[in-house]
Amino acid sequence: MQTNLLLLVAGCILFGACSTIPKGVKAAQPFYKEKYLGKWYEIARLDFKYEKDLSNVTATYSLNKDGSIRVENEGFNYKKNKWQKVVGKAKFVGDENIGMLKVSFFGPFYSGYNVIAIDDEYKYALVCGKDFGYLWLLSREPFMPEEVKEKYLKIAEDYGFKTSSLVWVEHNNKEK
């Protein structure tokens, strides 16, 4: 019995399967996968090592043949003066009507990707990761109206995210 519990805990730590959304945070529902597909501009993020020094960041989502979602993230590293791109895949954690997914860019290792607020027209989204260290404001255009920013920042703050630490992403149309 202890061996099974130890294996379960080790699997949760290794694969992130036990925690895909921060405690107390709710994923958007209903969620419509087809409406979410396409290109999104990153407006702001809580910075972390894989996006450090990136501007002009976009994420493009499309369907894979197996039903998973292809995730293509791209940004310009202004310190290295070059474009960077990474491709991964996302899968729903449970019901596809709930914006709770897991995403992988590194083989079998998945982490939480949770749409926690989205407008009816799927023009603006607030997304978090598996814990309070990951947060993104996304828009279909390289800008977000002030009233939408304020609304999403309030939602994030009410959940407990540290929005004062957000990095506001510059979109200056660097040539590829």
C-alpha atoms as a PDB file:
ATOM      1  CA  MET A   1       0.000   0.000   0.000  1.00  0.00           C
ATOM      2  CA  GLN A   2       2.796   2.459   0.886  1.00  0.00           C
ATOM      3  CA  THR A   3       4.591   1.603  -2.367  1.00  0.00           C
ATOM      4  CA  ASN A   4       1.472   2.475  -4.400  1.00  0.00           C
ATOM      5  CA  LEU A   5       1.076   5.778  -2.566  1.00  0.00           C
ATOM      6  CA  LEU A   6       4.761   6.575  -3.070  1.00  0.00           C
ATOM      7  CA  LEU A   7       4.454   5.818  -6.801  1.00  0.00           C
ATOM      8  CA  LEU A   8       1.357   8.038  -7.054  1.00  0.00           C
ATOM      9  CA  VAL A   9       3.114  10.935  -5.316  1.00  0.00           C
ATOM     10  CA  ALA A  10       6.241  10.470  -7.457  1.00  0.00           C
ATOM     11  CA  GLY A  11       4.091  10.416 -10.606  1.00  0.00           C
ATOM     12  CA  CYS A  12       2.298  13.581  -9.555  1.00  0.00           C
ATOM     13  CA  ILE A  13       5.581  15.374  -8.954  1.00  0.00           C
ATOM     14  CA  LEU A  14       7.213  14.076 -12.130  1.00  0.00           C
ATOM     15  CA  PHE A  15       4.311  14.620 -14.502  1.00  0.00           C
ATOM     16  CA  GLY A  16       2.431  17.436 -12.783  1.00  0.00           C
ATOM     17  CA  ALA A  17      -0.761  15.381 -13.004  1.00  0.00           C
ATOM     18  CA  CYS A  18      -2.080  16.247  -9.557  1.00  0.00           C
ATOM     19  CA  SER A  19      -2.023  20.013  -9.907  1.00  0.00           C
ATOM     20  CA  THR A  20      -3.003  21.596 -13.173  1.00  0.00           C
ATOM     21  CA  ILE A  21      -4.723  24.675 -11.728  1.00  0.00           C
ATOM     22  CA  PRO A  22      -4.013  26.746  -8.605  1.00  0.00           C
ATOM     23  CA  LYS A  23      -6.154  26.002  -5.572  1.00  0.00           C
ATOM     24  CA  GLY A  24      -9.331  28.106  -5.581  1.00  0.00           C
ATOM     25  CA  VAL A  25      -9.025  29.165  -9.245  1.00  0.00           C
ATOM     26  CA  LYS A  26     -11.801  28.140 -11.637  1.00  0.00           C
ATOM     27  CA  ALA A  27     -11.384  27.425 -15.348  1.00  0.00           C
ATOM     28  CA  ALA A  28     -13.802  29.071 -17.781  1.00  0.00           C
ATOM     29  CA  GLN A  29     -16.920  27.203 -18.766  1.00  0.00           C
ATOM     30  CA  PRO A  30     -18.499  26.767 -21.123  1.00  0.00           C
ATOM     31  CA  PHE A  31     -15.318  26.712 -23.179  1.00  0.00           C
ATOM     32  CA  TYR A  32     -15.362  26.329 -26.965  1.00  0.00           C
ATOM     33  CA  LYS A  33     -12.152  24.829 -28.316  1.00  0.00           C
ATOM     34  CA  GLU A  34     -12.884  25.761 -31.944  1.00  0.00           C
ATOM     35  CA  LYS A  35     -13.370  29.431 -31.045  1.00  0.00           C
ATOM     36  CA  TYR A  36     -10.085  29.470 -29.098  1.00  0.00           C
ATOM     37  CA  LEU A  37      -7.981  28.182 -32.009  1.00  0.00           C
ATOM     38  CA  GLY A  38      -5.928  30.665 -34.007  1.00  0.00           C
ATOM     39  CA  LYS A  39      -3.399  33.352 -33.173  1.00  0.00           C
ATOM     40  CA  TRP A  40      -3.171  35.189 -29.842  1.00  0.00           C
ATOM     41  CA  TYR A  41      -0.841  38.026 -28.835  1.00  0.00           C
ATOM     42  CA  GLU A  42       0.695  37.960 -25.385  1.00  0.00           C
ATOM     43  CA  ILE A  43      -0.115  41.301 -23.748  1.00  0.00           C
ATOM     44  CA  ALA A  44       1.368  40.586 -20.315  1.00  0.00           C
ATOM     45  CA  ARG A  45       2.860  37.687 -18.381  1.00  0.00           C
ATOM     46  CA  LEU A  46       4.399  36.695 -15.115  1.00  0.00           C
ATOM     47  CA  ASP A  47       7.926  36.191 -16.392  1.00  0.00           C
ATOM     48  CA  PHE A  48       9.707  32.840 -16.220  1.00  0.00           C
ATOM     49  CA  LYS A  49      12.851  31.338 -17.710  1.00  0.00           C
ATOM     50  CA  TYR A  50      11.409  30.145 -21.032  1.00  0.00           C
ATOM     51  CA  GLU A  51      10.023  33.572 -21.938  1.00  0.00           C
ATOM     52  CA  LYS A  52      12.680  35.772 -20.369  1.00  0.00           C
ATOM     53  CA  ASP A  53      13.795  38.653 -22.630  1.00  0.00           C
ATOM     54  CA  LEU A  54      11.064  37.988 -25.221  1.00  0.00           C
ATOM     55  CA  SER A  55       8.993  40.631 -26.973  1.00  0.00           C
ATOM     56  CA  ASN A  56       6.497  40.250 -29.844  1.00  0.00           C
ATOM     57  CA  VAL A  57       5.243  37.013 -28.277  1.00  0.00           C
ATOM     58  CA  THR A  58       2.421  35.132 -29.970  1.00  0.00           C
ATOM     59  CA  ALA A  59       0.761  31.776 -29.469  1.00  0.00           C
ATOM     60  CA  THR A  60      -0.993  29.987 -32.317  1.00  0.00           C
ATOM     61  CA  TYR A  61      -3.320  27.066 -31.631  1.00  0.00           C
ATOM     62  CA  SER A  62      -4.527  24.523 -34.199  1.00  0.00           C
ATOM     63  CA  LEU A  63      -5.899  20.990 -34.118  1.00  0.00           C
ATOM     64  CA  ASN A  64      -3.642  17.974 -34.471  1.00  0.00           C
ATOM     65  CA  LYS A  65      -4.953  14.865 -36.247  1.00  0.00           C
ATOM     66  CA  ASP A  66      -5.180  13.021 -32.909  1.00  0.00           C
ATOM     67  CA  GLY A  67      -7.526  15.665 -31.475  1.00  0.00           C
ATOM     68  CA  SER A  68      -4.899  17.335 -29.315  1.00  0.00           C
ATOM     69  CA  ILE A  69      -4.096  21.004 -29.850  1.00  0.00           C
ATOM     70  CA  ARG A  70      -0.874  22.103 -31.540  1.00  0.00           C
ATOM     71  CA  VAL A  71       0.701  24.995 -29.634  1.00  0.00           C
ATOM     72  CA  GLU A  72       3.223  27.189 -31.438  1.00  0.00           C
ATOM     73  CA  ASN A  73       4.793  29.908 -29.303  1.00  0.00           C
ATOM     74  CA  GLU A  74       7.049  32.490 -30.893  1.00  0.00           C
ATOM     75  CA  GLY A  75       8.840  35.585 -29.653  1.00  0.00           C
ATOM     76  CA  PHE A  76      11.760  37.873 -30.368  1.00  0.00           C
ATOM     77  CA  ASN A  77      14.658  37.680 -27.914  1.00  0.00           C
ATOM     78  CA  TYR A  78      15.775  41.296 -27.820  1.00  0.00           C
ATOM     79  CA  LYS A  79      19.001  40.477 -25.951  1.00  0.00           C
ATOM     80  CA  LYS A  80      20.102  37.812 -28.454  1.00  0.00           C
ATOM     81  CA  ASN A  81      18.532  39.714 -31.374  1.00  0.00           C
ATOM     82  CA  LYS A  82      16.811  36.612 -32.782  1.00  0.00           C
ATOM     83  CA  TRP A  83      13.430  34.940 -33.069  1.00  0.00           C
ATOM     84  CA  GLN A  84      12.688  31.897 -30.929  1.00  0.00           C
ATOM     85  CA  LYS A  85       9.957  29.349 -31.530  1.00  0.00           C
ATOM     86  CA  VAL A  86       8.782  26.280 -29.679  1.00  0.00           C
ATOM     87  CA  VAL A  87       6.049  23.825 -30.653  1.00  0.00           C
ATOM     88  CA  GLY A  88       4.129  21.672 -28.220  1.00  0.00           C
ATOM     89  CA  LYS A  89       0.742  20.138 -27.688  1.00  0.00           C
ATOM     90  CA  ALA A  90      -2.138  20.577 -25.303  1.00  0.00           C
ATOM     91  CA  LYS A  91      -4.807  18.165 -24.114  1.00  0.00           C
ATOM     92  CA  PHE A  92      -7.904  18.703 -22.040  1.00  0.00           C
ATOM     93  CA  VAL A  93      -7.613  17.530 -18.443  1.00  0.00           C
ATOM     94  CA  GLY A  94     -11.255  16.456 -18.428  1.00  0.00           C
ATOM     95  CA  ASP A  95     -14.373  17.788 -20.128  1.00  0.00           C
ATOM     96  CA  GLU A  96     -13.664  19.794 -23.303  1.00  0.00           C
ATOM     97  CA  ASN A  97     -16.331  22.312 -22.198  1.00  0.00           C
ATOM     98  CA  ILE A  98     -14.008  23.456 -19.407  1.00  0.00           C
ATOM     99  CA  GLY A  99     -10.936  25.567 -20.220  1.00  0.00           C
ATOM    100  CA  MET A 100      -8.604  23.346 -18.186  1.00  0.00           C
ATOM    101  CA  LEU A 101      -5.814  21.845 -20.243  1.00  0.00           C
ATOM    102  CA  LYS A 102      -2.315  20.533 -19.833  1.00  0.00           C
ATOM    103  CA  VAL A 103       0.452  21.505 -22.237  1.00  0.00           C
ATOM    104  CA  SER A 104       3.787  19.913 -23.091  1.00  0.00           C
ATOM    105  CA  PHE A 105       6.799  21.281 -24.909  1.00  0.00           C
ATOM    106  CA  PHE A 106       9.166  18.643 -23.546  1.00  0.00           C
ATOM    107  CA  GLY A 107       8.089  15.088 -24.316  1.00  0.00           C
ATOM    108  CA  PRO A 108       5.957  13.433 -21.666  1.00  0.00           C
ATOM    109  CA  PHE A 109       6.142  16.353 -19.213  1.00  0.00           C
ATOM    110  CA  TYR A 110       2.923  18.380 -18.954  1.00  0.00           C
ATOM    111  CA  SER A 111       1.983  21.473 -17.021  1.00  0.00           C
ATOM    112  CA  GLY A 112      -1.278  23.289 -16.445  1.00  0.00           C
ATOM    113  CA  TYR A 113      -2.775  25.681 -19.013  1.00  0.00           C
ATOM    114  CA  ASN A 114      -6.035  27.116 -17.747  1.00  0.00           C
ATOM    115  CA  VAL A 115      -8.273  29.665 -19.423  1.00  0.00           C
ATOM    116  CA  ILE A 116      -9.792  31.393 -16.390  1.00  0.00           C
ATOM    117  CA  ALA A 117     -11.555  34.282 -18.143  1.00  0.00           C
ATOM    118  CA  ILE A 118     -12.568  34.836 -21.750  1.00  0.00           C
ATOM    119  CA  ASP A 119     -14.990  37.205 -23.445  1.00  0.00           C
ATOM    120  CA  ASP A 120     -17.974  35.922 -25.428  1.00  0.00           C
ATOM    121  CA  GLU A 121     -16.331  36.733 -28.763  1.00  0.00           C
ATOM    122  CA  TYR A 122     -13.020  35.038 -27.851  1.00  0.00           C
ATOM    123  CA  LYS A 123     -11.012  38.216 -28.426  1.00  0.00           C
ATOM    124  CA  TYR A 124      -9.409  38.423 -24.953  1.00  0.00           C
ATOM    125  CA  ALA A 125      -8.334  35.744 -22.507  1.00  0.00           C
ATOM    126  CA  LEU A 126      -6.815  35.427 -19.051  1.00  0.00           C
ATOM    127  CA  VAL A 127      -4.762  32.247 -18.680  1.00  0.00           C
ATOM    128  CA  CYS A 128      -2.891  30.759 -15.742  1.00  0.00           C
ATOM    129  CA  GLY A 129      -0.600  27.810 -15.262  1.00  0.00           C
ATOM    130  CA  LYS A 130      -0.463  25.142 -12.597  1.00  0.00           C
ATOM    131  CA  ASP A 131       0.293  27.597  -9.790  1.00  0.00           C
ATOM    132  CA  PHE A 132       0.269  31.300  -8.968  1.00  0.00           C
ATOM    133  CA  GLY A 133       3.628  31.834 -10.708  1.00  0.00           C
ATOM    134  CA  TYR A 134       2.139  31.648 -14.214  1.00  0.00           C
ATOM    135  CA  LEU A 135      -0.292  34.166 -15.682  1.00  0.00           C
ATOM    136  CA  TRP A 136      -0.911  35.568 -19.171  1.00  0.00           C
ATOM    137  CA  LEU A 137      -3.197  38.214 -20.648  1.00  0.00           C
ATOM    138  CA  LEU A 138      -3.896  37.391 -24.299  1.00  0.00           C
ATOM    139  CA  SER A 139      -5.562  39.276 -27.137  1.00  0.00           C
ATOM    140  CA  ARG A 140      -6.337  38.593 -30.787  1.00  0.00           C
ATOM    141  CA  GLU A 141      -4.649  41.944 -31.572  1.00  0.00           C
ATOM    142  CA  PRO A 142      -1.268  43.232 -30.293  1.00  0.00           C
ATOM    143  CA  PHE A 143      -3.110  45.453 -27.796  1.00  0.00           C
ATOM    144  CA  MET A 144      -5.860  45.157 -25.210  1.00  0.00           C
ATOM    145  CA  PRO A 145      -8.379  47.899 -24.380  1.00  0.00           C
ATOM    146  CA  GLU A 146      -7.821  49.463 -20.960  1.00  0.00           C
ATOM    147  CA  GLU A 147     -11.237  48.387 -19.627  1.00  0.00           C
ATOM    148  CA  VAL A 148     -10.517  44.747 -20.537  1.00  0.00           C
ATOM    149  CA  LYS A 149      -7.065  44.943 -18.906  1.00  0.00           C
ATOM    150  CA  GLU A 150      -8.585  46.352 -15.725  1.00  0.00           C
ATOM    151  CA  LYS A 151     -11.297  43.682 -15.646  1.00  0.00           C
ATOM    152  CA  TYR A 152      -8.818  40.816 -16.120  1.00  0.00           C
ATOM    153  CA  LEU A 153      -6.316  42.274 -13.654  1.00  0.00           C
ATOM    154  CA  LYS A 154      -9.093  42.457 -11.039  1.00  0.00           C
ATOM    155  CA  ILE A 155     -10.066  38.828 -11.681  1.00  0.00           C
ATOM    156  CA  ALA A 156      -6.409  37.757 -11.355  1.00  0.00           C
ATOM    157  CA  GLU A 157      -5.885  39.795  -8.175  1.00  0.00           C
ATOM    158  CA  ASP A 158      -9.095  38.420  -6.630  1.00  0.00           C
ATOM    159  CA  TYR A 159      -7.748  34.906  -7.187  1.00  0.00           C
ATOM    160  CA  GLY A 160      -4.433  35.849  -5.563  1.00  0.00           C
ATOM    161  CA  PHE A 161      -2.084  36.466  -8.504  1.00  0.00           C
ATOM    162  CA  LYS A 162       0.618  39.094  -8.003  1.00  0.00           C
ATOM    163  CA  THR A 163      -0.272  41.340 -10.962  1.00  0.00           C
ATOM    164  CA  SER A 164       2.242  44.009  -9.922  1.00  0.00           C
ATOM    165  CA  SER A 165       4.923  41.594 -11.191  1.00  0.00           C
ATOM    166  CA  LEU A 166       3.493  41.331 -14.711  1.00  0.00           C
ATOM    167  CA  VAL A 167       5.801  42.008 -17.651  1.00  0.00           C
ATOM    168  CA  TRP A 168       3.990  44.061 -20.304  1.00  0.00           C
ATOM    169  CA  VAL A 169       4.991  42.679 -23.693  1.00  0.00           C
ATOM    170  CA  GLU A 170       6.108  45.036 -26.431  1.00  0.00           C
ATOM    171  CA  HIS A 171       4.808  44.363 -29.949  1.00  0.00           C
ATOM    172  CA  ASN A 172       6.849  46.342 -32.424  1.00  0.00           C
ATOM    173  CA  ASN A 173       6.558  44.114 -35.509  1.00  0.00           C
ATOM    174  CA  LYS A 174      10.178  42.994 -35.711  1.00  0.00           C
ATOM    175  CA  GLU A 175      10.967  41.430 -39.089  1.00  0.00           C
ATOM    176  CA  LYS A 176      11.493  37.671 -39.073  1.00  0.00           C
END
